């Protein structure tokens, strides 16, 4: 999945597969995670958030099933 760099102290890059509703996030720590059944609106809100790390913590972390891929 292709990710785009974001301005965040926690998140390095973010990608989204609209067909499968999979959100992929690479963190500055090096970990890459995929989050499942994430609606397009949630991805768009993340990308438009003034603080992507805060948005992630409030609306994605611990709310969607995920797997670590690296």
PDB file of N, CA and C in Angstrom:
ATOM      1  N   UNK A   1       0.847  -1.177   0.000  1.00  0.00           N
ATOM      2  CA  UNK A   1       0.000   0.000   0.000  1.00  0.00           C
ATOM      3  C   UNK A   1       0.892   1.238   0.000  1.00  0.00           C
ATOM      4  N   UNK A   2       0.539   2.190  -0.801  1.00  0.00           N
ATOM      5  CA  UNK A   2       1.309   3.432  -0.857  1.00  0.00           C
ATOM      6  C   UNK A   2       0.840   4.358   0.260  1.00  0.00           C
ATOM      7  N   UNK A   3       1.807   4.877   1.002  1.00  0.00           N
ATOM      8  CA  UNK A   3       1.498   5.816   2.085  1.00  0.00           C
ATOM      9  C   UNK A   3       2.048   7.188   1.725  1.00  0.00           C
ATOM     10  N   UNK A   4       1.428   8.212   2.296  1.00  0.00           N
ATOM     11  CA  UNK A   4       1.951   9.565   2.112  1.00  0.00           C
ATOM     12  C   UNK A   4       2.449  10.103   3.450  1.00  0.00           C
ATOM     13  N   UNK A   5       3.554  10.811   3.385  1.00  0.00           N
ATOM     14  CA  UNK A   5       4.122  11.404   4.596  1.00  0.00           C
ATOM     15  C   UNK A   5       3.157  12.422   5.182  1.00  0.00           C
ATOM     16  N   UNK A   6       3.149  12.479   6.511  1.00  0.00           N
ATOM     17  CA  UNK A   6       2.308  13.451   7.201  1.00  0.00           C
ATOM     18  C   UNK A   6       3.152  14.217   8.202  1.00  0.00           C
ATOM     19  N   UNK A   7       2.672  15.384   8.555  1.00  0.00           N
ATOM     20  CA  UNK A   7       3.350  16.205   9.558  1.00  0.00           C
ATOM     21  C   UNK A   7       2.805  15.821  10.930  1.00  0.00           C
ATOM     22  N   UNK A   8       3.613  15.077  11.675  1.00  0.00           N
ATOM     23  CA  UNK A   8       3.192  14.589  12.980  1.00  0.00           C
ATOM     24  C   UNK A   8       4.421  14.169  13.766  1.00  0.00           C
ATOM     25  N   UNK A   9       4.378  14.352  15.075  1.00  0.00           N
ATOM     26  CA  UNK A   9       5.502  13.905  15.900  1.00  0.00           C
ATOM     27  C   UNK A   9       5.431  12.403  16.160  1.00  0.00           C
ATOM     28  N   UNK A  10       4.286  11.778  15.894  1.00  0.00           N
ATOM     29  CA  UNK A  10       4.107  10.353  16.152  1.00  0.00           C
ATOM     30  C   UNK A  10       3.963   9.530  14.872  1.00  0.00           C
ATOM     31  N   UNK A  11       3.182  10.020  13.924  1.00  0.00           N
ATOM     32  CA  UNK A  11       2.922   9.296  12.685  1.00  0.00           C
ATOM     33  C   UNK A  11       3.874   9.774  11.594  1.00  0.00           C
ATOM     34  N   UNK A  12       4.461   8.830  10.869  1.00  0.00           N
ATOM     35  CA  UNK A  12       5.367   9.196   9.777  1.00  0.00           C
ATOM     36  C   UNK A  12       4.631   9.256   8.440  1.00  0.00           C
ATOM     37  N   UNK A  13       3.816   8.220   8.168  1.00  0.00           N
ATOM     38  CA  UNK A  13       3.085   8.194   6.902  1.00  0.00           C
ATOM     39  C   UNK A  13       1.788   7.414   7.075  1.00  0.00           C
ATOM     40  N   UNK A  14       0.828   7.719   6.184  1.00  0.00           N
ATOM     41  CA  UNK A  14      -0.509   7.133   6.273  1.00  0.00           C
ATOM     42  C   UNK A  14      -0.965   6.723   4.879  1.00  0.00           C
ATOM     43  N   UNK A  15      -1.551   5.536   4.779  1.00  0.00           N
ATOM     44  CA  UNK A  15      -2.134   5.068   3.532  1.00  0.00           C
ATOM     45  C   UNK A  15      -3.526   4.537   3.779  1.00  0.00           C
ATOM     46  N   UNK A  16      -4.306   4.443   2.713  1.00  0.00           N
ATOM     47  CA  UNK A  16      -5.682   3.947   2.861  1.00  0.00           C
ATOM     48  C   UNK A  16      -6.104   3.205   1.611  1.00  0.00           C
ATOM     49  N   UNK A  17      -6.715   2.043   1.805  1.00  0.00           N
ATOM     50  CA  UNK A  17      -7.295   1.263   0.718  1.00  0.00           C
ATOM     51  C   UNK A  17      -8.811   1.352   0.877  1.00  0.00           C
ATOM     52  N   UNK A  18      -9.450   2.154   0.022  1.00  0.00           N
ATOM     53  CA  UNK A  18     -10.887   2.399   0.141  1.00  0.00           C
ATOM     54  C   UNK A  18     -11.707   1.151  -0.154  1.00  0.00           C
ATOM     55  N   UNK A  19     -11.237   0.290  -1.057  1.00  0.00           N
ATOM     56  CA  UNK A  19     -11.988  -0.923  -1.394  1.00  0.00           C
ATOM     57  C   UNK A  19     -12.105  -1.866  -0.210  1.00  0.00           C
ATOM     58  N   UNK A  20     -11.011  -2.015   0.532  1.00  0.00           N
ATOM     59  CA  UNK A  20     -10.990  -2.936   1.668  1.00  0.00           C
ATOM     60  C   UNK A  20     -11.150  -2.240   3.015  1.00  0.00           C
ATOM     61  N   UNK A  21     -11.228  -0.917   3.005  1.00  0.00           N
ATOM     62  CA  UNK A  21     -11.332  -0.105   4.231  1.00  0.00           C
ATOM     63  C   UNK A  21     -10.192  -0.422   5.204  1.00  0.00           C
ATOM     64  N   UNK A  22      -8.972  -0.428   4.665  1.00  0.00           N
ATOM     65  CA  UNK A  22      -7.786  -0.684   5.478  1.00  0.00           C
ATOM     66  C   UNK A  22      -6.961   0.590   5.560  1.00  0.00           C
ATOM     67  N   UNK A  23      -6.690   0.997   6.780  1.00  0.00           N
ATOM     68  CA  UNK A  23      -5.847   2.160   7.061  1.00  0.00           C
ATOM     69  C   UNK A  23      -4.483   1.637   7.482  1.00  0.00           C
ATOM     70  N   UNK A  24      -3.423   2.141   6.867  1.00  0.00           N
ATOM     71  CA  UNK A  24      -2.068   1.698   7.202  1.00  0.00           C
ATOM     72  C   UNK A  24      -1.278   2.889   7.702  1.00  0.00           C
ATOM     73  N   UNK A  25      -0.651   2.726   8.848  1.00  0.00           N
ATOM     74  CA  UNK A  25       0.111   3.812   9.465  1.00  0.00           C
ATOM     75  C   UNK A  25       1.515   3.339   9.788  1.00  0.00           C
ATOM     76  N   UNK A  26       2.484   4.138   9.387  1.00  0.00           N
ATOM     77  CA  UNK A  26       3.870   3.914   9.808  1.00  0.00           C
ATOM     78  C   UNK A  26       4.193   4.973  10.847  1.00  0.00           C
ATOM     79  N   UNK A  27       4.713   4.521  11.965  1.00  0.00           N
ATOM     80  CA  UNK A  27       5.065   5.414  13.065  1.00  0.00           C
ATOM     81  C   UNK A  27       6.547   5.767  12.990  1.00  0.00           C
ATOM     82  N   UNK A  28       6.915   6.878  13.576  1.00  0.00           N
ATOM     83  CA  UNK A  28       8.325   7.284  13.598  1.00  0.00           C
ATOM     84  C   UNK A  28       9.191   6.241  14.295  1.00  0.00           C
ATOM     85  N   UNK A  29       8.593   5.457  15.183  1.00  0.00           N
ATOM     86  CA  UNK A  29       9.343   4.408  15.878  1.00  0.00           C
ATOM     87  C   UNK A  29       9.707   3.254  14.949  1.00  0.00           C
ATOM     88  N   UNK A  30       9.114   3.235  13.733  1.00  0.00           N
ATOM     89  CA  UNK A  30       9.424   2.200  12.759  1.00  0.00           C
ATOM     90  C   UNK A  30       8.319   1.181  12.558  1.00  0.00           C
ATOM     91  N   UNK A  31       7.394   1.075  13.502  1.00  0.00           N
ATOM     92  CA  UNK A  31       6.299   0.118  13.385  1.00  0.00           C
ATOM     93  C   UNK A  31       5.321   0.502  12.288  1.00  0.00           C
ATOM     94  N   UNK A  32       4.801  -0.517  11.601  1.00  0.00           N
ATOM     95  CA  UNK A  32       3.770  -0.312  10.588  1.00  0.00           C
ATOM     96  C   UNK A  32       2.573  -1.166  10.985  1.00  0.00           C
ATOM     97  N   UNK A  33       1.413  -0.535  11.053  1.00  0.00           N
ATOM     98  CA  UNK A  33       0.190  -1.210  11.470  1.00  0.00           C
ATOM     99  C   UNK A  33      -0.901  -1.015  10.441  1.00  0.00           C
ATOM    100  N   UNK A  34      -1.742  -2.046  10.292  1.00  0.00           N
ATOM    101  CA  UNK A  34      -2.930  -1.939   9.467  1.00  0.00           C
ATOM    102  C   UNK A  34      -4.153  -2.026  10.379  1.00  0.00           C
ATOM    103  N   UNK A  35      -5.095  -1.121  10.140  1.00  0.00           N
ATOM    104  CA  UNK A  35      -6.344  -1.061  10.893  1.00  0.00           C
ATOM    105  C   UNK A  35      -7.478  -1.388   9.928  1.00  0.00           C
ATOM    106  N   UNK A  36      -8.392  -2.264  10.368  1.00  0.00           N
ATOM    107  CA  UNK A  36      -9.400  -2.827   9.476  1.00  0.00           C
ATOM    108  C   UNK A  36     -10.788  -2.231   9.700  1.00  0.00           C
ATOM    109  N   UNK A  37     -11.571  -2.207   8.612  1.00  0.00           N
ATOM    110  CA  UNK A  37     -12.952  -1.699   8.621  1.00  0.00           C
ATOM    111  C   UNK A  37     -13.025  -0.235   9.035  1.00  0.00           C
ATOM    112  N   UNK A  38     -12.044   0.543   8.600  1.00  0.00           N
ATOM    113  CA  UNK A  38     -12.001   1.976   8.890  1.00  0.00           C
ATOM    114  C   UNK A  38     -12.731   2.707   7.754  1.00  0.00           C
ATOM    115  N   UNK A  39     -13.806   3.410   8.059  1.00  0.00           N
ATOM    116  CA  UNK A  39     -14.544   4.116   7.007  1.00  0.00           C
ATOM    117  C   UNK A  39     -13.711   5.222   6.357  1.00  0.00           C
ATOM    118  N   UNK A  40     -14.013   5.492   5.102  1.00  0.00           N
ATOM    119  CA  UNK A  40     -13.316   6.548   4.361  1.00  0.00           C
ATOM    120  C   UNK A  40     -13.374   7.875   5.112  1.00  0.00           C
ATOM    121  N   UNK A  41     -14.510   8.168   5.713  1.00  0.00           N
ATOM    122  CA  UNK A  41     -14.671   9.438   6.438  1.00  0.00           C
ATOM    123  C   UNK A  41     -13.677   9.555   7.590  1.00  0.00           C
ATOM    124  N   UNK A  42     -13.382   8.431   8.250  1.00  0.00           N
ATOM    125  CA  UNK A  42     -12.428   8.436   9.369  1.00  0.00           C
ATOM    126  C   UNK A  42     -11.032   8.748   8.850  1.00  0.00           C
ATOM    127  N   UNK A  43     -10.658   8.131   7.719  1.00  0.00           N
ATOM    128  CA  UNK A  43      -9.360   8.408   7.095  1.00  0.00           C
ATOM    129  C   UNK A  43      -9.267   9.879   6.701  1.00  0.00           C
ATOM    130  N   UNK A  44     -10.299  10.400   6.063  1.00  0.00           N
ATOM    131  CA  UNK A  44     -10.291  11.802   5.635  1.00  0.00           C
ATOM    132  C   UNK A  44     -10.185  12.742   6.834  1.00  0.00           C
ATOM    133  N   UNK A  45     -10.877  12.416   7.908  1.00  0.00           N
ATOM    134  CA  UNK A  45     -10.798  13.245   9.113  1.00  0.00           C
ATOM    135  C   UNK A  45      -9.401  13.211   9.710  1.00  0.00           C
ATOM    136  N   UNK A  46      -8.774  12.039   9.701  1.00  0.00           N
ATOM    137  CA  UNK A  46      -7.394  11.929  10.184  1.00  0.00           C
ATOM    138  C   UNK A  46      -6.472  12.825   9.365  1.00  0.00           C
ATOM    139  N   UNK A  47      -6.603  12.744   8.055  1.00  0.00           N
ATOM    140  CA  UNK A  47      -5.715  13.513   7.183  1.00  0.00           C
ATOM    141  C   UNK A  47      -5.951  15.023   7.298  1.00  0.00           C
ATOM    142  N   UNK A  48      -7.145  15.433   7.694  1.00  0.00           N
ATOM    143  CA  UNK A  48      -7.467  16.861   7.841  1.00  0.00           C
ATOM    144  C   UNK A  48      -7.280  17.374   9.257  1.00  0.00           C
ATOM    145  N   UNK A  49      -6.961  16.500  10.194  1.00  0.00           N
ATOM    146  CA  UNK A  49      -6.828  16.903  11.598  1.00  0.00           C
ATOM    147  C   UNK A  49      -5.590  17.783  11.788  1.00  0.00           C
ATOM    148  N   UNK A  50      -5.721  18.784  12.635  1.00  0.00           N
ATOM    149  CA  UNK A  50      -4.571  19.653  12.923  1.00  0.00           C
ATOM    150  C   UNK A  50      -3.499  18.891  13.696  1.00  0.00           C
ATOM    151  N   UNK A  51      -3.922  17.932  14.531  1.00  0.00           N
ATOM    152  CA  UNK A  51      -2.979  17.054  15.235  1.00  0.00           C
ATOM    153  C   UNK A  51      -3.332  15.614  14.878  1.00  0.00           C
ATOM    154  N   UNK A  52      -2.578  15.043  13.957  1.00  0.00           N
ATOM    155  CA  UNK A  52      -2.869  13.681  13.520  1.00  0.00           C
ATOM    156  C   UNK A  52      -2.631  12.666  14.632  1.00  0.00           C
ATOM    157  N   UNK A  53      -1.635  12.875  15.437  1.00  0.00           N
ATOM    158  CA  UNK A  53      -1.372  11.974  16.556  1.00  0.00           C
ATOM    159  C   UNK A  53      -2.502  11.983  17.567  1.00  0.00           C
ATOM    160  N   UNK A  54      -3.017  13.140  17.874  1.00  0.00           N
ATOM    161  CA  UNK A  54      -4.127  13.258  18.822  1.00  0.00           C
ATOM    162  C   UNK A  54      -5.388  12.620  18.228  1.00  0.00           C
ATOM    163  N   UNK A  55      -5.633  12.865  16.950  1.00  0.00           N
ATOM    164  CA  UNK A  55      -6.798  12.267  16.294  1.00  0.00           C
ATOM    165  C   UNK A  55      -6.685  10.743  16.306  1.00  0.00           C
ATOM    166  N   UNK A  56      -5.506  10.242  15.963  1.00  0.00           N
ATOM    167  CA  UNK A  56      -5.282   8.799  15.981  1.00  0.00           C
ATOM    168  C   UNK A  56      -5.582   8.216  17.356  1.00  0.00           C
ATOM    169  N   UNK A  57      -5.056   8.837  18.392  1.00  0.00           N
ATOM    170  CA  UNK A  57      -5.252   8.329  19.754  1.00  0.00           C
ATOM    171  C   UNK A  57      -6.717   8.359  20.176  1.00  0.00           C
ATOM    172  N   UNK A  58      -7.443   9.376  19.735  1.00  0.00           N
ATOM    173  CA  UNK A  58      -8.837   9.539  20.155  1.00  0.00           C
ATOM    174  C   UNK A  58      -9.826   8.708  19.349  1.00  0.00           C
ATOM    175  N   UNK A  59      -9.575   8.524  18.056  1.00  0.00           N
ATOM    176  CA  UNK A  59     -10.607   7.956  17.193  1.00  0.00           C
ATOM    177  C   UNK A  59     -10.238   6.665  16.463  1.00  0.00           C
ATOM    178  N   UNK A  60      -8.981   6.255  16.539  1.00  0.00           N
ATOM    179  CA  UNK A  60      -8.580   5.044  15.818  1.00  0.00           C
ATOM    180  C   UNK A  60      -7.967   4.009  16.761  1.00  0.00           C
ATOM    181  N   UNK A  61      -7.003   4.408  17.550  1.00  0.00           N
ATOM    182  CA  UNK A  61      -6.325   3.495  18.470  1.00  0.00           C
ATOM    183  C   UNK A  61      -7.336   2.843  19.408  1.00  0.00           C
ATOM    184  N   UNK A  62      -7.244   1.537  19.538  1.00  0.00           N
ATOM    185  CA  UNK A  62      -8.121   0.740  20.405  1.00  0.00           C
ATOM    186  C   UNK A  62      -9.594   0.740  19.979  1.00  0.00           C
ATOM    187  N   UNK A  63      -9.896   1.235  18.775  1.00  0.00           N
ATOM    188  CA  UNK A  63     -11.276   1.234  18.291  1.00  0.00           C
ATOM    189  C   UNK A  63     -11.470   0.323  17.085  1.00  0.00           C
ATOM    190  N   UNK A  64     -10.363  -0.035  16.419  1.00  0.00           N
ATOM    191  CA  UNK A  64     -10.432  -0.881  15.239  1.00  0.00           C
ATOM    192  C   UNK A  64      -9.500  -2.066  15.406  1.00  0.00           C
ATOM    193  N   UNK A  65      -9.892  -3.189  14.847  1.00  0.00           N
ATOM    194  CA  UNK A  65      -9.036  -4.368  14.837  1.00  0.00           C
ATOM    195  C   UNK A  65      -7.791  -4.024  14.016  1.00  0.00           C
ATOM    196  N   UNK A  66      -6.635  -4.505  14.446  1.00  0.00           N
ATOM    197  CA  UNK A  66      -5.397  -4.153  13.737  1.00  0.00           C
ATOM    198  C   UNK A  66      -4.430  -5.316  13.758  1.00  0.00           C
ATOM    199  N   UNK A  67      -3.414  -5.190  12.934  1.00  0.00           N
ATOM    200  CA  UNK A  67      -2.282  -6.113  12.981  1.00  0.00           C
ATOM    201  C   UNK A  67      -1.011  -5.335  12.690  1.00  0.00           C
ATOM    202  N   UNK A  68       0.047  -5.758  13.351  1.00  0.00           N
ATOM    203  CA  UNK A  68       1.351  -5.154  13.110  1.00  0.00           C
ATOM    204  C   UNK A  68       1.994  -5.912  11.961  1.00  0.00           C
ATOM    205  N   UNK A  69       2.411  -5.168  10.925  1.00  0.00           N
ATOM    206  CA  UNK A  69       3.045  -5.845   9.799  1.00  0.00           C
ATOM    207  C   UNK A  69       4.553  -5.643   9.790  1.00  0.00           C
ATOM    208  N   UNK A  70       5.050  -4.731  10.618  1.00  0.00           N
ATOM    209  CA  UNK A  70       6.495  -4.575  10.803  1.00  0.00           C
ATOM    210  C   UNK A  70       6.762  -3.773  12.054  1.00  0.00           C
TER     211      UNK A  70
END
